[in-house]
């Protein structure tokens, strides 16, 4: 991945088939998220994050990175982008309710709070001053 830029954008209706195929290729039994982000490298789908937006937080339903590209910072970059989006939407937290990737979430800045993993959104510049 070195030298390549991960392109991240919201999942659109037209992406449904490609996301479904990607999830099946990764042996993940999930429905295509109604809301979320996808990540592409050199035009190829390599990551999907399913989310739900609530009045105070962005809930992460799932995150899937292509198995051959794990441990290459793709998941971290996807969650950093999601954090920037949450800040623009004035959501103070990213929340993961159910997870099998406890070590991953700990490494990318989440903290365990009961049964959930929480990452507090860092607001930057003028946004922070208004809080």
C-alpha atoms as a PDB file:
ATOM      1  CA  UNK A   1       0.000   0.000   0.000  1.00  0.00           C
ATOM      2  CA  UNK A   2       2.983   2.293   0.433  1.00  0.00           C
ATOM      3  CA  UNK A   3       2.730   5.194  -1.980  1.00  0.00           C
ATOM      4  CA  UNK A   4      -0.896   4.465  -2.824  1.00  0.00           C
ATOM      5  CA  UNK A   5      -3.744   6.666  -1.651  1.00  0.00           C
ATOM      6  CA  UNK A   6      -6.828   5.121  -0.128  1.00  0.00           C
ATOM      7  CA  UNK A   7      -9.896   6.748  -1.709  1.00  0.00           C
ATOM      8  CA  UNK A   8     -12.794   6.883   0.774  1.00  0.00           C
ATOM      9  CA  UNK A   9     -16.361   7.892  -0.016  1.00  0.00           C
ATOM     10  CA  UNK A  10     -19.923   7.215   1.150  1.00  0.00           C
ATOM     11  CA  UNK A  11     -21.618   4.047  -0.050  1.00  0.00           C
ATOM     12  CA  UNK A  12     -24.129   4.857  -2.778  1.00  0.00           C
ATOM     13  CA  UNK A  13     -27.061   2.826  -4.104  1.00  0.00           C
ATOM     14  CA  UNK A  14     -25.091   2.002  -7.253  1.00  0.00           C
ATOM     15  CA  UNK A  15     -22.397   0.350  -5.072  1.00  0.00           C
ATOM     16  CA  UNK A  16     -24.759  -2.289  -3.670  1.00  0.00           C
ATOM     17  CA  UNK A  17     -23.677  -5.111  -5.996  1.00  0.00           C
ATOM     18  CA  UNK A  18     -19.933  -4.417  -5.659  1.00  0.00           C
ATOM     19  CA  UNK A  19     -20.146  -4.159  -1.851  1.00  0.00           C
ATOM     20  CA  UNK A  20     -22.192  -7.367  -1.661  1.00  0.00           C
ATOM     21  CA  UNK A  21     -19.606  -9.179  -3.821  1.00  0.00           C
ATOM     22  CA  UNK A  22     -16.737  -7.813  -1.681  1.00  0.00           C
ATOM     23  CA  UNK A  23     -18.394  -8.972   1.552  1.00  0.00           C
ATOM     24  CA  UNK A  24     -19.005 -12.458   0.115  1.00  0.00           C
ATOM     25  CA  UNK A  25     -15.380 -12.668  -1.117  1.00  0.00           C
ATOM     26  CA  UNK A  26     -14.245 -11.838   2.418  1.00  0.00           C
ATOM     27  CA  UNK A  27     -16.478 -14.648   3.772  1.00  0.00           C
ATOM     28  CA  UNK A  28     -18.451 -12.128   5.791  1.00  0.00           C
ATOM     29  CA  UNK A  29     -22.128 -12.798   6.294  1.00  0.00           C
ATOM     30  CA  UNK A  30     -23.484  -9.251   6.334  1.00  0.00           C
ATOM     31  CA  UNK A  31     -26.039  -7.317   4.420  1.00  0.00           C
ATOM     32  CA  UNK A  32     -24.825  -4.331   2.433  1.00  0.00           C
ATOM     33  CA  UNK A  33     -24.916  -1.384   4.877  1.00  0.00           C
ATOM     34  CA  UNK A  34     -27.642   1.188   4.251  1.00  0.00           C
ATOM     35  CA  UNK A  35     -25.208   3.855   5.434  1.00  0.00           C
ATOM     36  CA  UNK A  36     -21.425   3.738   5.489  1.00  0.00           C
ATOM     37  CA  UNK A  37     -18.117   4.307   3.784  1.00  0.00           C
ATOM     38  CA  UNK A  38     -16.130   2.323   1.274  1.00  0.00           C
ATOM     39  CA  UNK A  39     -12.419   2.435   0.617  1.00  0.00           C
ATOM     40  CA  UNK A  40     -10.716   1.803  -2.706  1.00  0.00           C
ATOM     41  CA  UNK A  41      -7.081   1.303  -3.677  1.00  0.00           C
ATOM     42  CA  UNK A  42      -6.240   1.699  -7.354  1.00  0.00           C
ATOM     43  CA  UNK A  43      -9.963   1.481  -8.122  1.00  0.00           C
ATOM     44  CA  UNK A  44     -10.452  -1.811  -6.259  1.00  0.00           C
ATOM     45  CA  UNK A  45     -12.801  -2.059  -3.280  1.00  0.00           C
ATOM     46  CA  UNK A  46     -10.718  -2.974  -0.222  1.00  0.00           C
ATOM     47  CA  UNK A  47     -12.752  -1.840   2.822  1.00  0.00           C
ATOM     48  CA  UNK A  48     -16.306  -1.207   3.983  1.00  0.00           C
ATOM     49  CA  UNK A  49     -17.561   0.439   7.185  1.00  0.00           C
ATOM     50  CA  UNK A  50     -21.255   0.195   8.042  1.00  0.00           C
ATOM     51  CA  UNK A  51     -22.571   2.943  10.317  1.00  0.00           C
ATOM     52  CA  UNK A  52     -25.710   4.314  11.955  1.00  0.00           C
ATOM     53  CA  UNK A  53     -25.970   7.964  12.934  1.00  0.00           C
ATOM     54  CA  UNK A  54     -27.688   8.979  16.167  1.00  0.00           C
ATOM     55  CA  UNK A  55     -28.139  12.458  17.671  1.00  0.00           C
ATOM     56  CA  UNK A  56     -24.974  12.185  19.788  1.00  0.00           C
ATOM     57  CA  UNK A  57     -22.764   9.573  18.114  1.00  0.00           C
ATOM     58  CA  UNK A  58     -21.835   7.559  15.060  1.00  0.00           C
ATOM     59  CA  UNK A  59     -22.313   3.846  15.693  1.00  0.00           C
ATOM     60  CA  UNK A  60     -20.057   1.481  13.778  1.00  0.00           C
ATOM     61  CA  UNK A  61     -22.012  -1.619  12.841  1.00  0.00           C
ATOM     62  CA  UNK A  62     -19.092  -3.352  11.149  1.00  0.00           C
ATOM     63  CA  UNK A  63     -15.760  -2.793   9.473  1.00  0.00           C
ATOM     64  CA  UNK A  64     -14.364  -5.177   6.875  1.00  0.00           C
ATOM     65  CA  UNK A  65     -10.922  -4.882   5.281  1.00  0.00           C
ATOM     66  CA  UNK A  66      -9.756  -7.227   2.511  1.00  0.00           C
ATOM     67  CA  UNK A  67      -8.012 -10.127   4.249  1.00  0.00           C
ATOM     68  CA  UNK A  68      -4.840  -9.805   2.168  1.00  0.00           C
ATOM     69  CA  UNK A  69      -4.518  -6.117   3.127  1.00  0.00           C
ATOM     70  CA  UNK A  70      -5.059  -6.313   6.871  1.00  0.00           C
ATOM     71  CA  UNK A  71      -2.420  -4.783   9.167  1.00  0.00           C
ATOM     72  CA  UNK A  72      -1.604  -2.171   6.506  1.00  0.00           C
ATOM     73  CA  UNK A  73      -3.396   0.741   8.259  1.00  0.00           C
ATOM     74  CA  UNK A  74      -6.463   0.645   5.997  1.00  0.00           C
ATOM     75  CA  UNK A  75      -8.903   0.136   8.898  1.00  0.00           C
ATOM     76  CA  UNK A  76      -7.196   2.917  10.852  1.00  0.00           C
ATOM     77  CA  UNK A  77      -7.452   5.321   7.887  1.00  0.00           C
ATOM     78  CA  UNK A  78     -11.133   4.434   7.408  1.00  0.00           C
ATOM     79  CA  UNK A  79     -11.900   5.167  11.079  1.00  0.00           C
ATOM     80  CA  UNK A  80      -9.885   8.409  11.006  1.00  0.00           C
ATOM     81  CA  UNK A  81     -11.997   9.533   8.040  1.00  0.00           C
ATOM     82  CA  UNK A  82     -15.158   8.523   9.889  1.00  0.00           C
ATOM     83  CA  UNK A  83     -14.003  10.579  12.884  1.00  0.00           C
ATOM     84  CA  UNK A  84     -13.565  13.654  10.666  1.00  0.00           C
ATOM     85  CA  UNK A  85     -17.080  13.167   9.311  1.00  0.00           C
ATOM     86  CA  UNK A  86     -18.451  12.759  12.852  1.00  0.00           C
ATOM     87  CA  UNK A  87     -16.771  16.025  13.888  1.00  0.00           C
ATOM     88  CA  UNK A  88     -18.383  17.863  10.958  1.00  0.00           C
ATOM     89  CA  UNK A  89     -21.746  16.422  12.034  1.00  0.00           C
ATOM     90  CA  UNK A  90     -21.164  17.482  15.686  1.00  0.00           C
ATOM     91  CA  UNK A  91     -21.141  13.897  16.932  1.00  0.00           C
ATOM     92  CA  UNK A  92     -18.876  13.519  19.961  1.00  0.00           C
ATOM     93  CA  UNK A  93     -18.261   9.765  19.862  1.00  0.00           C
ATOM     94  CA  UNK A  94     -17.707   6.753  17.658  1.00  0.00           C
ATOM     95  CA  UNK A  95     -19.279   3.688  19.266  1.00  0.00           C
ATOM     96  CA  UNK A  96     -18.861  -0.021  18.562  1.00  0.00           C
ATOM     97  CA  UNK A  97     -21.439  -2.116  20.420  1.00  0.00           C
ATOM     98  CA  UNK A  98     -20.487  -5.602  19.276  1.00  0.00           C
ATOM     99  CA  UNK A  99     -17.002  -6.533  18.217  1.00  0.00           C
ATOM    100  CA  UNK A 100     -14.749  -9.454  17.555  1.00  0.00           C
ATOM    101  CA  UNK A 101     -11.827  -7.106  16.852  1.00  0.00           C
ATOM    102  CA  UNK A 102     -11.112  -5.959  20.390  1.00  0.00           C
ATOM    103  CA  UNK A 103      -7.352  -5.651  19.872  1.00  0.00           C
ATOM    104  CA  UNK A 104      -7.855  -3.655  16.651  1.00  0.00           C
ATOM    105  CA  UNK A 105     -10.214  -1.163  18.298  1.00  0.00           C
ATOM    106  CA  UNK A 106      -7.865  -0.722  21.265  1.00  0.00           C
ATOM    107  CA  UNK A 107      -4.941  -0.013  18.898  1.00  0.00           C
ATOM    108  CA  UNK A 108      -6.901   2.633  16.952  1.00  0.00           C
ATOM    109  CA  UNK A 109      -7.864   4.685  19.997  1.00  0.00           C
ATOM    110  CA  UNK A 110     -11.076   3.154  21.326  1.00  0.00           C
ATOM    111  CA  UNK A 111     -11.580   2.539  25.033  1.00  0.00           C
ATOM    112  CA  UNK A 112     -13.741  -0.152  26.591  1.00  0.00           C
ATOM    113  CA  UNK A 113     -16.830   1.178  28.402  1.00  0.00           C
ATOM    114  CA  UNK A 114     -18.814  -1.796  29.643  1.00  0.00           C
ATOM    115  CA  UNK A 115     -19.792  -3.886  26.632  1.00  0.00           C
ATOM    116  CA  UNK A 116     -19.035  -1.098  24.120  1.00  0.00           C
ATOM    117  CA  UNK A 117     -15.919   0.419  22.597  1.00  0.00           C
ATOM    118  CA  UNK A 118     -15.900   4.254  22.552  1.00  0.00           C
ATOM    119  CA  UNK A 119     -13.623   6.684  20.715  1.00  0.00           C
ATOM    120  CA  UNK A 120     -14.101  10.341  21.552  1.00  0.00           C
ATOM    121  CA  UNK A 121     -14.075  12.590  18.505  1.00  0.00           C
ATOM    122  CA  UNK A 122     -11.293  15.149  18.462  1.00  0.00           C
ATOM    123  CA  UNK A 123     -12.700  18.454  17.273  1.00  0.00           C
ATOM    124  CA  UNK A 124     -10.193  20.651  15.474  1.00  0.00           C
ATOM    125  CA  UNK A 125      -9.662  24.411  15.216  1.00  0.00           C
ATOM    126  CA  UNK A 126     -12.725  26.658  15.319  1.00  0.00           C
ATOM    127  CA  UNK A 127     -15.020  23.719  16.027  1.00  0.00           C
ATOM    128  CA  UNK A 128     -13.269  23.128  19.361  1.00  0.00           C
ATOM    129  CA  UNK A 129     -13.453  26.823  20.329  1.00  0.00           C
ATOM    130  CA  UNK A 130     -17.239  26.822  19.933  1.00  0.00           C
ATOM    131  CA  UNK A 131     -17.708  23.851  22.318  1.00  0.00           C
END
